[in-house]
C-alpha atoms as a PDB file:
ATOM      1  CA  MET A   1      95.880 135.496  88.048  1.00  0.00           C
ATOM      2  CA  LYS A   2      98.960 134.943  89.441  1.00  0.00           C
ATOM      3  CA  HIS A   3      98.203 131.475  90.299  1.00  0.00           C
ATOM      4  CA  GLU A   4      97.207 130.823  86.555  1.00  0.00           C
ATOM      5  CA  ASN A   5     100.580 132.065  85.622  1.00  0.00           C
ATOM      6  CA  ILE A   6     102.427 129.803  87.889  1.00  0.00           C
ATOM      7  CA  TYR A   7     100.680 126.937  87.027  1.00  0.00           C
ATOM      8  CA  GLN A   8     101.419 127.575  83.233  1.00  0.00           C
ATOM      9  CA  ALA A   9     105.086 128.396  83.798  1.00  0.00           C
ATOM     10  CA  ILE A  10     105.129 124.714  85.577  1.00  0.00           C
ATOM     11  CA  GLN A  11     103.300 122.949  82.784  1.00  0.00           C
ATOM     12  CA  GLU A  12     105.493 124.605  79.966  1.00  0.00           C
ATOM     13  CA  ASN A  13     108.757 123.829  82.228  1.00  0.00           C
ATOM     14  CA  PRO A  14     110.720 120.890  80.501  1.00  0.00           C
ATOM     15  CA  ARG A  15     111.942 119.762  83.723  1.00  0.00           C
ATOM     16  CA  PHE A  16     108.382 119.232  84.789  1.00  0.00           C
ATOM     17  CA  HIS A  17     107.828 116.984  82.181  1.00  0.00           C
ATOM     18  CA  GLU A  18     111.094 115.063  83.074  1.00  0.00           C
ATOM     19  CA  LEU A  19     109.807 114.866  86.647  1.00  0.00           C
ATOM     20  CA  VAL A  20     106.580 113.363  85.529  1.00  0.00           C
ATOM     21  CA  SER A  21     108.145 110.963  83.204  1.00  0.00           C
ATOM     22  CA  LYS A  22     110.848 109.896  85.574  1.00  0.00           C
ATOM     23  CA  ARG A  23     108.168 109.449  88.252  1.00  0.00           C
ATOM     24  CA  ASN A  24     105.972 107.477  85.773  1.00  0.00           C
ATOM     25  CA  ARG A  25     108.355 105.082  84.477  1.00  0.00           C
ATOM     26  CA  PHE A  26     109.842 104.376  88.109  1.00  0.00           C
ATOM     27  CA  ALA A  27     106.286 103.771  89.463  1.00  0.00           C
ATOM     28  CA  TRP A  28     105.634 101.380  86.641  1.00  0.00           C
ATOM     29  CA  SER A  29     108.563  99.506  87.076  1.00  0.00           C
ATOM     30  CA  LEU A  30     108.097  98.978  90.529  1.00  0.00           C
ATOM     31  CA  ALA A  31     104.462  97.977  89.797  1.00  0.00           C
ATOM     32  CA  ILE A  32     105.696  95.491  87.192  1.00  0.00           C
ATOM     33  CA  VAL A  33     107.835  93.913  89.548  1.00  0.00           C
ATOM     34  CA  MET A  34     105.190  93.573  92.305  1.00  0.00           C
ATOM     35  CA  LEU A  35     102.848  92.222  89.737  1.00  0.00           C
ATOM     36  CA  ALA A  36     105.233  89.927  88.486  1.00  0.00           C
ATOM     37  CA  ALA A  37     105.902  88.400  91.812  1.00  0.00           C
ATOM     38  CA  TYR A  38     102.247  88.122  92.868  1.00  0.00           C
ATOM     39  CA  PHE A  39     101.238  86.400  89.398  1.00  0.00           C
ATOM     40  CA  ALA A  40     104.134  83.950  89.716  1.00  0.00           C
ATOM     41  CA  PHE A  41     102.873  83.134  93.402  1.00  0.00           C
ATOM     42  CA  ILE A  42      99.383  82.597  91.970  1.00  0.00           C
ATOM     43  CA  LEU A  43     100.281  80.721  89.087  1.00  0.00           C
ATOM     44  CA  ILE A  44     102.680  78.341  91.140  1.00  0.00           C
ATOM     45  CA  ILE A  45      99.393  77.644  93.251  1.00  0.00           C
ATOM     46  CA  ALA A  46      97.318  77.029  90.477  1.00  0.00           C
ATOM     47  CA  PHE A  47      99.340  75.065  88.505  1.00  0.00           C
ATOM     48  CA  ASP A  48     101.821  73.188  91.023  1.00  0.00           C
ATOM     49  CA  PRO A  49     100.408  73.547  94.407  1.00  0.00           C
ATOM     50  CA  ALA A  50     102.489  70.850  95.725  1.00  0.00           C
ATOM     51  CA  LEU A  51     105.591  72.999  95.453  1.00  0.00           C
ATOM     52  CA  PHE A  52     104.268  75.138  98.140  1.00  0.00           C
ATOM     53  CA  GLY A  53     103.299  72.406 100.235  1.00  0.00           C
ATOM     54  CA  ILE A  54     106.708  70.768 100.502  1.00  0.00           C
ATOM     55  CA  PRO A  55     107.954  71.161 104.104  1.00  0.00           C
ATOM     56  CA  LEU A  56     110.997  73.384 104.798  1.00  0.00           C
ATOM     57  CA  SER A  57     112.557  70.355 106.608  1.00  0.00           C
ATOM     58  CA  ALA A  58     112.046  66.884 107.736  1.00  0.00           C
ATOM     59  CA  GLY A  59     109.206  66.575 110.178  1.00  0.00           C
ATOM     60  CA  SER A  60     108.249  70.395 109.879  1.00  0.00           C
ATOM     61  CA  VAL A  61     104.710  71.353 109.627  1.00  0.00           C
ATOM     62  CA  THR A  62     105.639  74.606 108.027  1.00  0.00           C
ATOM     63  CA  THR A  63     105.940  74.639 104.203  1.00  0.00           C
ATOM     64  CA  TRP A  64     107.506  76.691 101.515  1.00  0.00           C
ATOM     65  CA  GLY A  65     104.095  78.327 100.992  1.00  0.00           C
ATOM     66  CA  ILE A  66     104.429  80.578 104.317  1.00  0.00           C
ATOM     67  CA  PRO A  67     107.806  81.939 103.524  1.00  0.00           C
ATOM     68  CA  ALA A  68     106.830  82.445  99.971  1.00  0.00           C
ATOM     69  CA  GLY A  69     103.796  84.269 101.076  1.00  0.00           C
ATOM     70  CA  LEU A  70     105.534  86.316 103.590  1.00  0.00           C
ATOM     71  CA  GLY A  71     108.083  87.274 100.927  1.00  0.00           C
ATOM     72  CA  LEU A  72     105.540  88.669  98.956  1.00  0.00           C
ATOM     73  CA  ILE A  73     104.328  90.655 101.583  1.00  0.00           C
ATOM     74  CA  PHE A  74     107.688  91.953 102.500  1.00  0.00           C
ATOM     75  CA  LEU A  75     108.437  92.759  98.689  1.00  0.00           C
ATOM     76  CA  SER A  76     105.647  95.221  98.698  1.00  0.00           C
ATOM     77  CA  PHE A  77     107.066  96.803 101.803  1.00  0.00           C
ATOM     78  CA  ILE A  78     110.496  96.974 100.199  1.00  0.00           C
ATOM     79  CA  LEU A  79     108.963  98.470  96.986  1.00  0.00           C
ATOM     80  CA  THR A  80     107.090 100.871  98.690  1.00  0.00           C
ATOM     81  CA  GLY A  81     110.385 102.056 100.630  1.00  0.00           C
ATOM     82  CA  VAL A  82     112.220 102.337  97.771  1.00  0.00           C
ATOM     83  CA  TYR A  83     109.494 104.374  96.049  1.00  0.00           C
ATOM     84  CA  VAL A  84     109.232 106.667  99.247  1.00  0.00           C
ATOM     85  CA  GLN A  85     113.134 107.167  99.440  1.00  0.00           C
ATOM     86  CA  ARG A  86     113.465 108.227  95.793  1.00  0.00           C
ATOM     87  CA  ALA A  87     110.120 110.344  96.069  1.00  0.00           C
ATOM     88  CA  ASN A  88     111.412 111.928  99.037  1.00  0.00           C
ATOM     89  CA  GLY A  89     115.123 112.475  97.632  1.00  0.00           C
ATOM     90  CA  GLU A  90     115.328 113.041  93.980  1.00  0.00           C
ATOM     91  CA  PHE A  91     111.408 113.874  92.974  1.00  0.00           C
ATOM     92  CA  ASP A  92     111.176 116.447  96.043  1.00  0.00           C
ATOM     93  CA  ARG A  93     114.413 118.122  94.790  1.00  0.00           C
ATOM     94  CA  LEU A  94     113.033 118.359  91.281  1.00  0.00           C
ATOM     95  CA  THR A  95     109.858 119.733  92.388  1.00  0.00           C
ATOM     96  CA  GLN A  96     111.364 122.206  94.557  1.00  0.00           C
ATOM     97  CA  GLU A  97     113.605 123.480  91.673  1.00  0.00           C
ATOM     98  CA  ILE A  98     110.525 123.464  89.186  1.00  0.00           C
ATOM     99  CA  LEU A  99     108.798 125.710  91.834  1.00  0.00           C
ATOM    100  CA  GLN A 100     111.363 128.213  92.405  1.00  0.00           C
ATOM    101  CA  GLU A 101     111.882 128.574  88.489  1.00  0.00           C
ATOM    102  CA  ALA A 102     108.065 129.185  88.283  1.00  0.00           C
ATOM    103  CA  ASP A 103     107.906 131.440  91.159  1.00  0.00           C
ATOM    104  CA  LYS A 104     110.544 134.042  89.634  1.00  0.00           C
END
Protein backbone atom coordinates (compact mmCIF):
# COMPACT_ATOMS: atom_id res chain seq x y z
CA MET A 1 0.00 0.00 0.00
CA LYS A 2 2.84 2.41 0.82
CA HIS A 3 4.46 1.80 -2.58
CA GLU A 4 1.25 2.75 -4.36
CA ASN A 5 1.17 6.05 -2.49
CA ILE A 6 4.79 6.76 -3.39
CA TYR A 7 4.17 5.94 -7.05
CA GLN A 8 1.13 8.19 -7.10
CA ALA A 9 3.02 11.01 -5.39
CA ILE A 10 5.81 10.71 -7.96
CA GLN A 11 3.42 10.69 -10.91
CA GLU A 12 1.59 13.74 -9.59
CA ASN A 13 4.79 15.68 -8.92
CA PRO A 14 5.27 18.49 -11.47
CA ARG A 15 9.04 18.06 -11.17
CA PHE A 16 8.64 14.46 -12.36
CA HIS A 17 6.87 15.70 -15.48
CA GLU A 18 9.63 18.28 -15.94
CA LEU A 19 12.27 15.52 -15.64
CA VAL A 20 10.52 13.27 -18.15
CA SER A 21 10.05 16.16 -20.57
CA LYS A 22 13.67 17.34 -20.31
CA ARG A 23 15.06 13.83 -20.65
CA ASN A 24 12.89 13.02 -23.67
CA ARG A 25 13.68 16.31 -25.41
CA PHE A 26 17.40 15.85 -24.83
CA ALA A 27 17.41 12.21 -25.96
CA TRP A 28 15.45 13.03 -29.12
CA SER A 29 17.77 15.95 -29.89
CA LEU A 30 20.82 13.69 -29.72
CA ALA A 31 19.06 11.00 -31.74
CA ILE A 32 18.20 13.53 -34.45
CA VAL A 33 21.83 14.69 -34.61
CA MET A 34 23.00 11.08 -35.00
CA LEU A 35 20.35 10.23 -37.59
CA ALA A 36 21.10 13.37 -39.60
CA ALA A 37 24.82 12.52 -39.68
CA TYR A 38 24.13 8.91 -40.60
CA PHE A 39 21.66 9.79 -43.36
CA ALA A 40 24.04 12.43 -44.74
CA PHE A 41 26.75 9.75 -44.90
CA ILE A 42 24.40 7.31 -46.67
CA LEU A 43 23.09 9.96 -49.07
CA ILE A 44 26.63 10.91 -50.07
CA ILE A 45 27.40 7.24 -50.72
CA ALA A 46 24.21 6.90 -52.75
CA PHE A 47 24.37 10.08 -54.82
CA ASP A 48 28.04 11.09 -54.93
CA PRO A 49 30.18 8.07 -54.07
CA ALA A 50 33.20 9.59 -55.82
CA LEU A 51 33.37 12.21 -53.04
CA PHE A 52 34.33 9.57 -50.48
CA GLY A 53 36.65 7.97 -53.03
CA ILE A 54 38.99 10.97 -53.20
CA PRO A 55 42.40 10.15 -51.67
CA LEU A 56 43.41 12.07 -48.55
CA SER A 57 46.63 13.16 -50.25
CA ALA A 58 48.43 12.55 -53.52
CA GLY A 59 49.50 8.91 -53.75
CA SER A 60 47.56 7.90 -50.64
CA VAL A 61 45.45 4.75 -50.70
CA THR A 62 43.27 6.04 -47.87
CA THR A 63 40.23 7.93 -49.10
CA TRP A 64 37.97 10.49 -47.43
CA GLY A 65 35.40 7.74 -46.85
CA ILE A 66 37.53 6.19 -44.08
CA PRO A 67 37.74 9.28 -41.83
CA ALA A 68 34.09 10.07 -42.60
CA GLY A 69 33.02 6.59 -41.48
CA LEU A 70 35.25 6.72 -38.41
CA GLY A 71 33.90 10.17 -37.63
CA LEU A 72 30.39 8.76 -37.67
CA ILE A 73 31.39 6.02 -35.24
CA PHE A 74 33.18 8.51 -32.96
CA LEU A 75 30.15 10.82 -33.09
CA SER A 76 27.98 8.04 -31.70
CA PHE A 77 30.42 7.53 -28.80
CA ILE A 78 30.59 11.26 -28.14
CA LEU A 79 26.80 11.67 -28.13
CA THR A 80 26.49 8.68 -25.80
CA GLY A 81 29.03 10.29 -23.47
CA VAL A 82 27.16 13.59 -23.56
CA TYR A 83 23.92 11.83 -22.63
CA VAL A 84 25.55 9.83 -19.83
CA GLN A 85 27.19 12.97 -18.43
CA ARG A 86 23.88 14.81 -18.25
CA ALA A 87 21.99 11.76 -17.01
CA ASN A 88 24.49 11.22 -14.19
CA GLY A 89 24.36 14.89 -13.27
CA GLU A 90 21.17 16.82 -13.76
CA PHE A 91 18.77 13.91 -14.34
CA ASP A 92 20.00 11.89 -11.35
CA ARG A 93 19.86 14.97 -9.12
CA LEU A 94 16.26 15.66 -10.16
CA THR A 95 15.35 12.01 -9.64
CA GLN A 96 16.75 12.04 -6.10
CA GLU A 97 14.89 15.25 -5.28
CA ILE A 98 11.62 13.79 -6.58
CA LEU A 99 12.12 10.59 -4.57
CA GLN A 100 12.87 12.59 -1.40
CA GLU A 101 9.72 14.66 -1.88
CA ALA A 102 7.62 11.55 -2.48
CA ASP A 103 8.99 9.77 0.59
CA LYS A 104 7.83 12.54 2.96
